[in-house]
Amino acid sequence: MTTDSSDALPFVDEHRVLAPAPVPAVWRALARQVPGAGGGGALARLLGAEPRHAAGRLFDPGATLPGFAVAEAVPGRSVRLTGRHRFSRYALVLTLTARPGGTVLSARTYAEFPGLPGRLYRLLVIGSGAHRVLVARMLRTVRRRAARDAAD
């Protein structure tokens, strides 16, 4: 899987968290969390996101959820989600790496924001810190769920 550039989109940021759980538990927790990552169908419709609807089995290449399509997946290791809407074309690459004490879950974002509407959207979402807050919250939720599952 190519994680250094996602279809030649510009790199935006990377966030990481160490989950005190083995890779399989983190992968399962990630699979439970990702369906909400795009904000659901209402936000996807508002932004004119593609894809618009969920289809297929999550983390199978070609599967979709509102705002994202599974472009690539290596079970237990990584998944690349791609999408677009009227203000941006983007990719989210999620990678799991076993480390002493657990699993590092990394989320790398790539995106382009064409034209003035795209630049304004970037300012609203990236410049305001909203993207950072939402991705960090998603990673913390996965960490918490994986740790709870591993303890059971």
C-alpha atoms as a PDB file:
ATOM      1  CA  MET A   1       0.000   0.000   0.000  1.00  0.00           C
ATOM      2  CA  THR A   2       1.272   3.442  -0.894  1.00  0.00           C
ATOM      3  CA  THR A   3       1.136   5.660   2.159  1.00  0.00           C
ATOM      4  CA  ASP A   4       3.613   8.405   1.211  1.00  0.00           C
ATOM      5  CA  SER A   5       1.245  10.084  -1.244  1.00  0.00           C
ATOM      6  CA  SER A   6      -2.325   9.210  -1.850  1.00  0.00           C
ATOM      7  CA  ASP A   7      -2.996   9.561  -5.581  1.00  0.00           C
ATOM      8  CA  ALA A   8      -0.684  12.609  -5.671  1.00  0.00           C
ATOM      9  CA  LEU A   9      -2.846  14.613  -3.275  1.00  0.00           C
ATOM     10  CA  PRO A  10      -0.980  17.109  -1.070  1.00  0.00           C
ATOM     11  CA  PHE A  11      -0.200  15.940   2.480  1.00  0.00           C
ATOM     12  CA  VAL A  12      -2.300  17.729   5.117  1.00  0.00           C
ATOM     13  CA  ASP A  13      -1.413  16.154   8.467  1.00  0.00           C
ATOM     14  CA  GLU A  14      -0.805  13.009  10.489  1.00  0.00           C
ATOM     15  CA  HIS A  15      -2.096  11.996  13.888  1.00  0.00           C
ATOM     16  CA  ARG A  16      -1.028   8.957  15.925  1.00  0.00           C
ATOM     17  CA  VAL A  17      -2.116   7.183  19.049  1.00  0.00           C
ATOM     18  CA  LEU A  18      -0.714   4.177  20.915  1.00  0.00           C
ATOM     19  CA  ALA A  19      -3.528   1.781  21.758  1.00  0.00           C
ATOM     20  CA  PRO A  20      -2.651  -0.617  24.606  1.00  0.00           C
ATOM     21  CA  ALA A  21      -4.022  -3.558  22.638  1.00  0.00           C
ATOM     22  CA  PRO A  22      -2.850  -6.010  19.970  1.00  0.00           C
ATOM     23  CA  VAL A  23      -3.298  -5.213  16.275  1.00  0.00           C
ATOM     24  CA  PRO A  24      -6.398  -7.443  15.791  1.00  0.00           C
ATOM     25  CA  ALA A  25      -8.266  -5.652  18.602  1.00  0.00           C
ATOM     26  CA  VAL A  26      -7.358  -2.238  17.171  1.00  0.00           C
ATOM     27  CA  TRP A  27      -8.429  -3.316  13.666  1.00  0.00           C
ATOM     28  CA  ARG A  28     -11.822  -4.464  14.988  1.00  0.00           C
ATOM     29  CA  ALA A  29     -12.274  -1.222  16.948  1.00  0.00           C
ATOM     30  CA  LEU A  30     -11.315   0.785  13.863  1.00  0.00           C
ATOM     31  CA  ALA A  31     -13.852  -1.106  11.752  1.00  0.00           C
ATOM     32  CA  ARG A  32     -16.559  -0.204  14.285  1.00  0.00           C
ATOM     33  CA  GLN A  33     -15.541   3.472  14.366  1.00  0.00           C
ATOM     34  CA  VAL A  34     -14.947   4.284  10.696  1.00  0.00           C
ATOM     35  CA  PRO A  35     -18.606   4.167   9.547  1.00  0.00           C
ATOM     36  CA  GLY A  36     -19.144   7.426  11.462  1.00  0.00           C
ATOM     37  CA  ALA A  37     -15.974   9.094  10.189  1.00  0.00           C
ATOM     38  CA  GLY A  38     -17.630  10.873   7.288  1.00  0.00           C
ATOM     39  CA  GLY A  39     -20.279  12.529   9.429  1.00  0.00           C
ATOM     40  CA  GLY A  40     -23.037  10.402   7.921  1.00  0.00           C
ATOM     41  CA  GLY A  41     -25.360  10.807   5.007  1.00  0.00           C
ATOM     42  CA  ALA A  42     -26.690  14.277   5.875  1.00  0.00           C
ATOM     43  CA  LEU A  43     -23.254  15.922   5.756  1.00  0.00           C
ATOM     44  CA  ALA A  44     -22.334  13.948   2.630  1.00  0.00           C
ATOM     45  CA  ARG A  45     -25.500  15.239   0.909  1.00  0.00           C
ATOM     46  CA  LEU A  46     -24.893  18.818   2.070  1.00  0.00           C
ATOM     47  CA  LEU A  47     -21.345  18.799   0.669  1.00  0.00           C
ATOM     48  CA  GLY A  48     -22.264  16.870  -2.476  1.00  0.00           C
ATOM     49  CA  ALA A  49     -19.875  14.112  -1.410  1.00  0.00           C
ATOM     50  CA  GLU A  50     -19.071  11.091  -3.514  1.00  0.00           C
ATOM     51  CA  PRO A  51     -19.735   8.373  -2.734  1.00  0.00           C
ATOM     52  CA  ARG A  52     -23.074   9.273  -1.224  1.00  0.00           C
ATOM     53  CA  HIS A  53     -24.188   5.940   0.241  1.00  0.00           C
ATOM     54  CA  ALA A  54     -22.822   2.945   2.115  1.00  0.00           C
ATOM     55  CA  ALA A  55     -22.359  -0.220   0.058  1.00  0.00           C
ATOM     56  CA  GLY A  56     -20.366  -3.417   0.387  1.00  0.00           C
ATOM     57  CA  ARG A  57     -18.491  -4.807   3.360  1.00  0.00           C
ATOM     58  CA  LEU A  58     -16.387  -2.240   5.211  1.00  0.00           C
ATOM     59  CA  PHE A  59     -12.656  -2.461   4.483  1.00  0.00           C
ATOM     60  CA  ASP A  60     -13.232  -4.522   1.340  1.00  0.00           C
ATOM     61  CA  PRO A  61     -11.826  -2.639  -1.672  1.00  0.00           C
ATOM     62  CA  GLY A  62     -14.699  -0.906  -3.438  1.00  0.00           C
ATOM     63  CA  ALA A  63     -16.884  -0.718  -0.333  1.00  0.00           C
ATOM     64  CA  THR A  64     -18.295   2.739   0.370  1.00  0.00           C
ATOM     65  CA  LEU A  65     -19.704   4.841   3.171  1.00  0.00           C
ATOM     66  CA  PRO A  66     -20.985   8.400   2.871  1.00  0.00           C
ATOM     67  CA  GLY A  67     -18.049  10.518   1.725  1.00  0.00           C
ATOM     68  CA  PHE A  68     -15.516   7.673   1.457  1.00  0.00           C
ATOM     69  CA  ALA A  69     -14.660   4.671  -0.698  1.00  0.00           C
ATOM     70  CA  VAL A  70     -12.236   1.930   0.305  1.00  0.00           C
ATOM     71  CA  ALA A  71      -9.486   2.349  -2.287  1.00  0.00           C
ATOM     72  CA  GLU A  72      -7.093  -0.180  -0.723  1.00  0.00           C
ATOM     73  CA  ALA A  73      -7.074  -2.371   2.362  1.00  0.00           C
ATOM     74  CA  VAL A  74      -4.597  -4.757   3.894  1.00  0.00           C
ATOM     75  CA  PRO A  75      -6.498  -6.433   6.756  1.00  0.00           C
ATOM     76  CA  GLY A  76      -4.921  -5.749  10.114  1.00  0.00           C
ATOM     77  CA  ARG A  77      -2.385  -3.321   8.594  1.00  0.00           C
ATOM     78  CA  SER A  78      -3.867  -0.434   6.641  1.00  0.00           C
ATOM     79  CA  VAL A  79      -6.809   1.033   4.795  1.00  0.00           C
ATOM     80  CA  ARG A  80      -6.934   3.942   2.352  1.00  0.00           C
ATOM     81  CA  LEU A  81     -10.245   5.767   2.137  1.00  0.00           C
ATOM     82  CA  THR A  82     -10.823   8.273  -0.664  1.00  0.00           C
ATOM     83  CA  GLY A  83     -13.577  10.674  -1.563  1.00  0.00           C
ATOM     84  CA  ARG A  84     -14.500  14.033  -2.934  1.00  0.00           C
ATOM     85  CA  HIS A  85     -17.099  16.749  -2.631  1.00  0.00           C
ATOM     86  CA  ARG A  86     -17.696  20.138  -4.147  1.00  0.00           C
ATOM     87  CA  PHE A  87     -14.844  21.762  -2.158  1.00  0.00           C
ATOM     88  CA  SER A  88     -12.203  19.043  -1.925  1.00  0.00           C
ATOM     89  CA  ARG A  89     -10.737  15.745  -3.095  1.00  0.00           C
ATOM     90  CA  TYR A  90      -9.220  13.768  -0.219  1.00  0.00           C
ATOM     91  CA  ALA A  91      -7.790  10.552   1.169  1.00  0.00           C
ATOM     92  CA  LEU A  92      -7.448   9.217   4.694  1.00  0.00           C
ATOM     93  CA  VAL A  93      -4.797   6.534   5.187  1.00  0.00           C
ATOM     94  CA  LEU A  94      -5.098   4.557   8.428  1.00  0.00           C
ATOM     95  CA  THR A  95      -2.126   2.384   9.375  1.00  0.00           C
ATOM     96  CA  LEU A  96      -1.635  -0.029  12.278  1.00  0.00           C
ATOM     97  CA  THR A  97       1.854  -0.904  13.519  1.00  0.00           C
ATOM     98  CA  ALA A  98       2.616  -3.331  16.358  1.00  0.00           C
ATOM     99  CA  ARG A  99       4.870  -1.785  19.010  1.00  0.00           C
ATOM    100  CA  PRO A 100       5.895  -2.735  22.514  1.00  0.00           C
ATOM    101  CA  GLY A 101       2.924  -1.909  24.702  1.00  0.00           C
ATOM    102  CA  GLY A 102       0.333  -2.084  21.967  1.00  0.00           C
ATOM    103  CA  THR A 103      -0.438  -0.829  18.481  1.00  0.00           C
ATOM    104  CA  VAL A 104       0.274   2.552  16.934  1.00  0.00           C
ATOM    105  CA  LEU A 105      -2.707   3.731  14.910  1.00  0.00           C
ATOM    106  CA  SER A 106      -1.810   6.488  12.484  1.00  0.00           C
ATOM    107  CA  ALA A 107      -4.167   8.625  10.404  1.00  0.00           C
ATOM    108  CA  ARG A 108      -2.625  10.535   7.477  1.00  0.00           C
ATOM    109  CA  THR A 109      -4.770  13.001   5.581  1.00  0.00           C
ATOM    110  CA  TYR A 110      -4.155  14.124   2.011  1.00  0.00           C
ATOM    111  CA  ALA A 111      -6.349  16.657   0.235  1.00  0.00           C
ATOM    112  CA  GLU A 112      -6.624  19.317  -2.390  1.00  0.00           C
ATOM    113  CA  PHE A 113      -8.955  22.283  -2.125  1.00  0.00           C
ATOM    114  CA  PRO A 114      -9.341  23.823  -5.597  1.00  0.00           C
ATOM    115  CA  GLY A 115     -10.434  27.370  -6.296  1.00  0.00           C
ATOM    116  CA  LEU A 116     -11.615  30.061  -3.923  1.00  0.00           C
ATOM    117  CA  PRO A 117     -14.451  27.908  -2.486  1.00  0.00           C
ATOM    118  CA  GLY A 118     -11.899  25.159  -1.765  1.00  0.00           C
ATOM    119  CA  ARG A 119      -9.503  27.584  -0.074  1.00  0.00           C
ATOM    120  CA  LEU A 120     -12.334  28.921   2.087  1.00  0.00           C
ATOM    121  CA  TYR A 121     -13.405  25.380   2.984  1.00  0.00           C
ATOM    122  CA  ARG A 122      -9.788  24.505   3.898  1.00  0.00           C
ATOM    123  CA  LEU A 123      -9.659  27.550   6.168  1.00  0.00           C
ATOM    124  CA  LEU A 124     -12.947  26.535   7.778  1.00  0.00           C
ATOM    125  CA  VAL A 125     -12.057  22.856   8.309  1.00  0.00           C
ATOM    126  CA  ILE A 126      -8.254  22.665   8.537  1.00  0.00           C
ATOM    127  CA  GLY A 127      -7.354  26.211   9.574  1.00  0.00           C
ATOM    128  CA  SER A 128      -9.911  26.282  12.382  1.00  0.00           C
ATOM    129  CA  GLY A 129      -8.516  23.084  13.903  1.00  0.00           C
ATOM    130  CA  ALA A 130     -11.822  21.216  13.447  1.00  0.00           C
ATOM    131  CA  HIS A 131     -10.196  18.468  11.367  1.00  0.00           C
ATOM    132  CA  ARG A 132      -7.478  17.959  13.989  1.00  0.00           C
ATOM    133  CA  VAL A 133     -10.066  17.717  16.772  1.00  0.00           C
ATOM    134  CA  LEU A 134     -12.271  15.246  14.869  1.00  0.00           C
ATOM    135  CA  VAL A 135      -9.419  12.948  13.813  1.00  0.00           C
ATOM    136  CA  ALA A 136      -7.924  12.988  17.321  1.00  0.00           C
ATOM    137  CA  ARG A 137     -11.337  12.134  18.782  1.00  0.00           C
ATOM    138  CA  MET A 138     -11.735   9.233  16.330  1.00  0.00           C
ATOM    139  CA  LEU A 139      -8.290   7.858  17.250  1.00  0.00           C
ATOM    140  CA  ARG A 140      -8.961   8.173  20.997  1.00  0.00           C
ATOM    141  CA  THR A 141     -12.282   6.360  20.580  1.00  0.00           C
ATOM    142  CA  VAL A 142     -10.586   3.518  18.692  1.00  0.00           C
ATOM    143  CA  ARG A 143      -7.860   3.343  21.367  1.00  0.00           C
ATOM    144  CA  ARG A 144     -10.440   3.174  24.164  1.00  0.00           C
ATOM    145  CA  ARG A 145     -12.558   0.515  22.420  1.00  0.00           C
ATOM    146  CA  ALA A 146      -9.532  -1.600  21.520  1.00  0.00           C
ATOM    147  CA  ALA A 147      -8.202  -1.483  25.077  1.00  0.00           C
ATOM    148  CA  ARG A 148     -11.607  -2.453  26.458  1.00  0.00           C
ATOM    149  CA  ASP A 149     -11.949  -5.320  23.952  1.00  0.00           C
ATOM    150  CA  ALA A 150      -8.429  -6.578  24.685  1.00  0.00           C
ATOM    151  CA  ALA A 151      -9.181  -6.594  28.421  1.00  0.00           C
ATOM    152  CA  ASP A 152     -12.349  -8.705  27.966  1.00  0.00           C
END
